[in-house]
């Protein structure tokens, strides 16, 4: 699957933010922070990961629709990309 530079930059930035969130979560657990606070931050990190996945899948669907022959030749039939989308949903 091919992604634009903008998509790669967007997803990379999102993943870096998630990385920071996970580090903060580790610190929160080690510090014995309130469980509700930790769960709230876990939820935020999970949602951020999901959004990164949706950006990738949206770009993949666009690629498949714009060039179905090339995407199929690369092993990405539209139905396969749709299945990846439903895994995230």
N, C-alpha and C. Protein backbone atom coordinates (compact mmCIF):
# COMPACT_ATOMS: atom_id res chain seq x y z
N UNK A 1 0.85 -1.16 0.00
CA UNK A 1 0.00 0.00 0.00
C UNK A 1 0.90 1.23 0.00
N UNK A 2 0.53 2.19 -0.78
CA UNK A 2 1.32 3.42 -0.86
C UNK A 2 0.60 4.55 -0.13
N UNK A 3 1.38 5.32 0.61
CA UNK A 3 0.84 6.46 1.35
C UNK A 3 1.54 7.73 0.91
N UNK A 4 0.80 8.82 0.95
CA UNK A 4 1.40 10.12 0.64
C UNK A 4 2.32 10.53 1.78
N UNK A 5 3.19 11.46 1.49
CA UNK A 5 4.09 11.98 2.53
C UNK A 5 3.28 12.59 3.67
N UNK A 6 2.17 13.24 3.32
CA UNK A 6 1.32 13.87 4.33
C UNK A 6 0.72 12.82 5.26
N UNK A 7 0.28 11.70 4.69
CA UNK A 7 -0.30 10.64 5.51
C UNK A 7 0.76 10.06 6.44
N UNK A 8 1.94 9.81 5.91
CA UNK A 8 3.02 9.26 6.73
C UNK A 8 3.37 10.22 7.86
N UNK A 9 3.46 11.51 7.55
CA UNK A 9 3.78 12.51 8.57
C UNK A 9 2.68 12.57 9.63
N UNK A 10 1.44 12.55 9.18
CA UNK A 10 0.30 12.63 10.11
C UNK A 10 0.30 11.43 11.05
N UNK A 11 0.42 10.24 10.50
CA UNK A 11 0.39 9.04 11.33
C UNK A 11 1.60 8.99 12.26
N UNK A 12 2.76 9.37 11.76
CA UNK A 12 3.96 9.39 12.59
C UNK A 12 3.78 10.33 13.77
N UNK A 13 3.24 11.51 13.53
CA UNK A 13 3.00 12.46 14.63
C UNK A 13 2.01 11.90 15.63
N UNK A 14 0.97 11.27 15.14
CA UNK A 14 -0.02 10.67 16.04
C UNK A 14 0.61 9.59 16.91
N UNK A 15 1.44 8.76 16.29
CA UNK A 15 2.08 7.68 17.04
C UNK A 15 3.09 8.21 18.06
N UNK A 16 3.77 9.29 17.73
CA UNK A 16 4.69 9.90 18.70
C UNK A 16 3.92 10.42 19.91
N UNK A 17 2.74 11.00 19.66
CA UNK A 17 1.92 11.48 20.78
C UNK A 17 1.47 10.32 21.65
N UNK A 18 1.07 9.22 21.00
CA UNK A 18 0.66 8.04 21.75
C UNK A 18 1.82 7.50 22.58
N UNK A 19 2.99 7.51 21.99
CA UNK A 19 4.19 7.07 22.71
C UNK A 19 4.37 7.88 23.99
N UNK A 20 4.18 9.18 23.89
CA UNK A 20 4.27 10.05 25.06
C UNK A 20 3.19 9.74 26.08
N UNK A 21 1.99 9.46 25.58
CA UNK A 21 0.90 9.11 26.48
C UNK A 21 1.20 7.81 27.23
N UNK A 22 1.77 6.84 26.53
CA UNK A 22 2.08 5.56 27.17
C UNK A 22 3.17 5.75 28.22
N UNK A 23 4.16 6.56 27.93
CA UNK A 23 5.19 6.83 28.94
C UNK A 23 4.58 7.49 30.18
N UNK A 24 3.67 8.43 29.93
CA UNK A 24 2.99 9.10 31.05
C UNK A 24 2.16 8.10 31.85
N UNK A 25 1.54 7.16 31.16
CA UNK A 25 0.76 6.13 31.84
C UNK A 25 1.65 5.26 32.72
N UNK A 26 2.82 4.90 32.20
CA UNK A 26 3.75 4.10 32.99
C UNK A 26 4.12 4.84 34.27
N UNK A 27 4.39 6.12 34.14
CA UNK A 27 4.74 6.93 35.31
C UNK A 27 3.58 7.02 36.28
N UNK A 28 2.39 7.18 35.75
CA UNK A 28 1.21 7.26 36.61
C UNK A 28 1.03 5.99 37.44
N UNK A 29 1.21 4.85 36.79
CA UNK A 29 1.07 3.57 37.50
C UNK A 29 2.16 3.44 38.55
N UNK A 30 3.39 3.76 38.19
CA UNK A 30 4.50 3.65 39.13
C UNK A 30 4.33 4.60 40.31
N UNK A 31 3.71 5.75 40.08
CA UNK A 31 3.49 6.73 41.15
C UNK A 31 2.27 6.38 42.00
N UNK A 32 1.52 5.38 41.58
CA UNK A 32 0.34 4.99 42.34
C UNK A 32 -0.82 5.96 42.18
N UNK A 33 -0.93 6.56 41.03
CA UNK A 33 -2.01 7.51 40.79
C UNK A 33 -3.36 6.82 40.85
N UNK A 34 -4.38 7.60 41.04
CA UNK A 34 -5.75 7.10 41.14
C UNK A 34 -6.13 6.30 39.89
N UNK A 35 -6.78 5.19 40.11
CA UNK A 35 -7.16 4.29 39.03
C UNK A 35 -8.02 5.00 37.98
N UNK A 36 -8.91 5.88 38.43
CA UNK A 36 -9.78 6.59 37.48
C UNK A 36 -8.97 7.46 36.54
N UNK A 37 -7.93 8.10 37.06
CA UNK A 37 -7.07 8.93 36.22
C UNK A 37 -6.32 8.08 35.19
N UNK A 38 -5.83 6.93 35.66
CA UNK A 38 -5.09 6.04 34.76
C UNK A 38 -6.00 5.53 33.65
N UNK A 39 -7.20 5.10 34.02
CA UNK A 39 -8.13 4.58 33.03
C UNK A 39 -8.52 5.66 32.03
N UNK A 40 -8.69 6.88 32.50
CA UNK A 40 -9.01 7.98 31.59
C UNK A 40 -7.90 8.18 30.57
N UNK A 41 -6.66 8.12 31.03
CA UNK A 41 -5.54 8.29 30.11
C UNK A 41 -5.37 7.07 29.20
N UNK A 42 -5.66 5.89 29.71
CA UNK A 42 -5.63 4.68 28.86
C UNK A 42 -6.65 4.80 27.73
N UNK A 43 -7.81 5.30 28.06
CA UNK A 43 -8.85 5.49 27.05
C UNK A 43 -8.40 6.49 25.99
N UNK A 44 -7.77 7.57 26.42
CA UNK A 44 -7.29 8.58 25.47
C UNK A 44 -6.22 7.99 24.55
N UNK A 45 -5.31 7.20 25.11
CA UNK A 45 -4.25 6.59 24.29
C UNK A 45 -4.84 5.58 23.31
N UNK A 46 -5.81 4.82 23.76
CA UNK A 46 -6.47 3.85 22.88
C UNK A 46 -7.16 4.55 21.72
N UNK A 47 -7.88 5.61 22.01
CA UNK A 47 -8.57 6.37 20.96
C UNK A 47 -7.56 6.98 19.98
N UNK A 48 -6.45 7.45 20.49
CA UNK A 48 -5.43 8.04 19.62
C UNK A 48 -4.85 6.99 18.67
N UNK A 49 -4.63 5.78 19.17
CA UNK A 49 -4.16 4.69 18.31
C UNK A 49 -5.20 4.35 17.25
N UNK A 50 -6.46 4.31 17.66
CA UNK A 50 -7.53 4.01 16.71
C UNK A 50 -7.57 5.07 15.60
N UNK A 51 -7.43 6.32 15.98
CA UNK A 51 -7.45 7.40 14.98
C UNK A 51 -6.30 7.26 13.99
N UNK A 52 -5.13 6.89 14.47
CA UNK A 52 -3.99 6.67 13.58
C UNK A 52 -4.31 5.54 12.60
N UNK A 53 -4.92 4.49 13.10
CA UNK A 53 -5.32 3.39 12.23
C UNK A 53 -6.34 3.81 11.19
N UNK A 54 -7.30 4.62 11.60
CA UNK A 54 -8.32 5.08 10.66
C UNK A 54 -7.72 5.97 9.57
N UNK A 55 -6.73 6.78 9.92
CA UNK A 55 -6.06 7.60 8.91
C UNK A 55 -5.39 6.70 7.88
N UNK A 56 -4.71 5.65 8.35
CA UNK A 56 -4.05 4.72 7.43
C UNK A 56 -5.07 4.00 6.53
N UNK A 57 -6.13 3.52 7.13
CA UNK A 57 -7.13 2.78 6.36
C UNK A 57 -7.82 3.70 5.36
N UNK A 58 -8.13 4.92 5.77
CA UNK A 58 -8.75 5.87 4.83
C UNK A 58 -7.84 6.12 3.64
N UNK A 59 -6.55 6.28 3.91
CA UNK A 59 -5.59 6.48 2.82
C UNK A 59 -5.52 5.23 1.95
N UNK A 60 -5.57 4.07 2.56
CA UNK A 60 -5.54 2.82 1.80
C UNK A 60 -6.77 2.64 0.93
N UNK A 61 -7.92 2.98 1.47
CA UNK A 61 -9.15 2.90 0.67
C UNK A 61 -9.09 3.86 -0.51
N UNK A 62 -8.58 5.05 -0.27
CA UNK A 62 -8.43 6.03 -1.34
C UNK A 62 -7.52 5.48 -2.43
N UNK A 63 -6.40 4.90 -2.01
CA UNK A 63 -5.45 4.33 -2.96
C UNK A 63 -6.10 3.23 -3.79
N UNK A 64 -6.85 2.34 -3.12
CA UNK A 64 -7.51 1.24 -3.82
C UNK A 64 -8.54 1.75 -4.82
N UNK A 65 -9.26 2.78 -4.45
CA UNK A 65 -10.29 3.31 -5.35
C UNK A 65 -9.69 4.09 -6.50
N UNK A 66 -8.59 4.78 -6.26
CA UNK A 66 -7.97 5.57 -7.32
C UNK A 66 -7.22 4.70 -8.33
N UNK A 67 -6.66 3.60 -7.86
CA UNK A 67 -5.88 2.74 -8.76
C UNK A 67 -6.12 1.27 -8.39
N UNK A 68 -7.31 0.76 -8.69
CA UNK A 68 -7.67 -0.60 -8.26
C UNK A 68 -6.78 -1.70 -8.84
N UNK A 69 -6.32 -1.53 -10.07
CA UNK A 69 -5.47 -2.57 -10.68
C UNK A 69 -4.13 -2.65 -9.96
N UNK A 70 -3.53 -1.51 -9.71
CA UNK A 70 -2.23 -1.48 -9.04
C UNK A 70 -2.34 -1.96 -7.59
N UNK A 71 -3.39 -1.54 -6.91
CA UNK A 71 -3.54 -1.97 -5.52
C UNK A 71 -3.80 -3.48 -5.46
N UNK A 72 -4.57 -4.01 -6.38
CA UNK A 72 -4.81 -5.46 -6.41
C UNK A 72 -3.52 -6.21 -6.71
N UNK A 73 -2.72 -5.67 -7.63
CA UNK A 73 -1.44 -6.30 -7.97
C UNK A 73 -0.49 -6.30 -6.77
N UNK A 74 -0.64 -5.31 -5.89
CA UNK A 74 0.19 -5.22 -4.70
C UNK A 74 -0.36 -6.06 -3.55
N UNK A 75 -1.50 -6.73 -3.78
CA UNK A 75 -2.08 -7.59 -2.76
C UNK A 75 -3.11 -6.91 -1.88
N UNK A 76 -3.61 -5.76 -2.34
CA UNK A 76 -4.60 -5.03 -1.57
C UNK A 76 -5.88 -4.87 -2.37
N UNK A 77 -6.66 -5.93 -2.41
CA UNK A 77 -7.99 -5.83 -3.00
C UNK A 77 -8.83 -4.93 -2.11
N UNK A 78 -9.78 -4.25 -2.69
CA UNK A 78 -10.64 -3.35 -1.92
C UNK A 78 -11.29 -4.08 -0.75
N UNK A 79 -11.73 -5.29 -0.98
CA UNK A 79 -12.38 -6.06 0.09
C UNK A 79 -11.44 -6.30 1.27
N UNK A 80 -10.16 -6.51 0.98
CA UNK A 80 -9.18 -6.72 2.05
C UNK A 80 -9.01 -5.47 2.90
N UNK A 81 -8.96 -4.32 2.25
CA UNK A 81 -8.81 -3.06 2.97
C UNK A 81 -10.08 -2.77 3.78
N UNK A 82 -11.22 -3.12 3.23
CA UNK A 82 -12.47 -2.94 3.97
C UNK A 82 -12.47 -3.81 5.23
N UNK A 83 -11.93 -5.01 5.13
CA UNK A 83 -11.84 -5.88 6.31
C UNK A 83 -10.94 -5.27 7.38
N UNK A 84 -9.84 -4.64 6.94
CA UNK A 84 -8.96 -3.97 7.91
C UNK A 84 -9.73 -2.85 8.61
N UNK A 85 -10.55 -2.15 7.86
CA UNK A 85 -11.35 -1.07 8.45
C UNK A 85 -12.29 -1.61 9.52
N UNK A 86 -12.95 -2.72 9.22
CA UNK A 86 -13.89 -3.26 10.21
C UNK A 86 -13.19 -3.79 11.45
N UNK A 87 -11.92 -4.18 11.31
CA UNK A 87 -11.17 -4.61 12.51
C UNK A 87 -10.98 -3.44 13.47
N UNK A 88 -10.84 -2.24 12.93
CA UNK A 88 -10.65 -1.07 13.78
C UNK A 88 -11.95 -0.53 14.33
N UNK A 89 -13.01 -0.74 13.60
CA UNK A 89 -14.31 -0.14 13.99
C UNK A 89 -14.92 -0.84 15.18
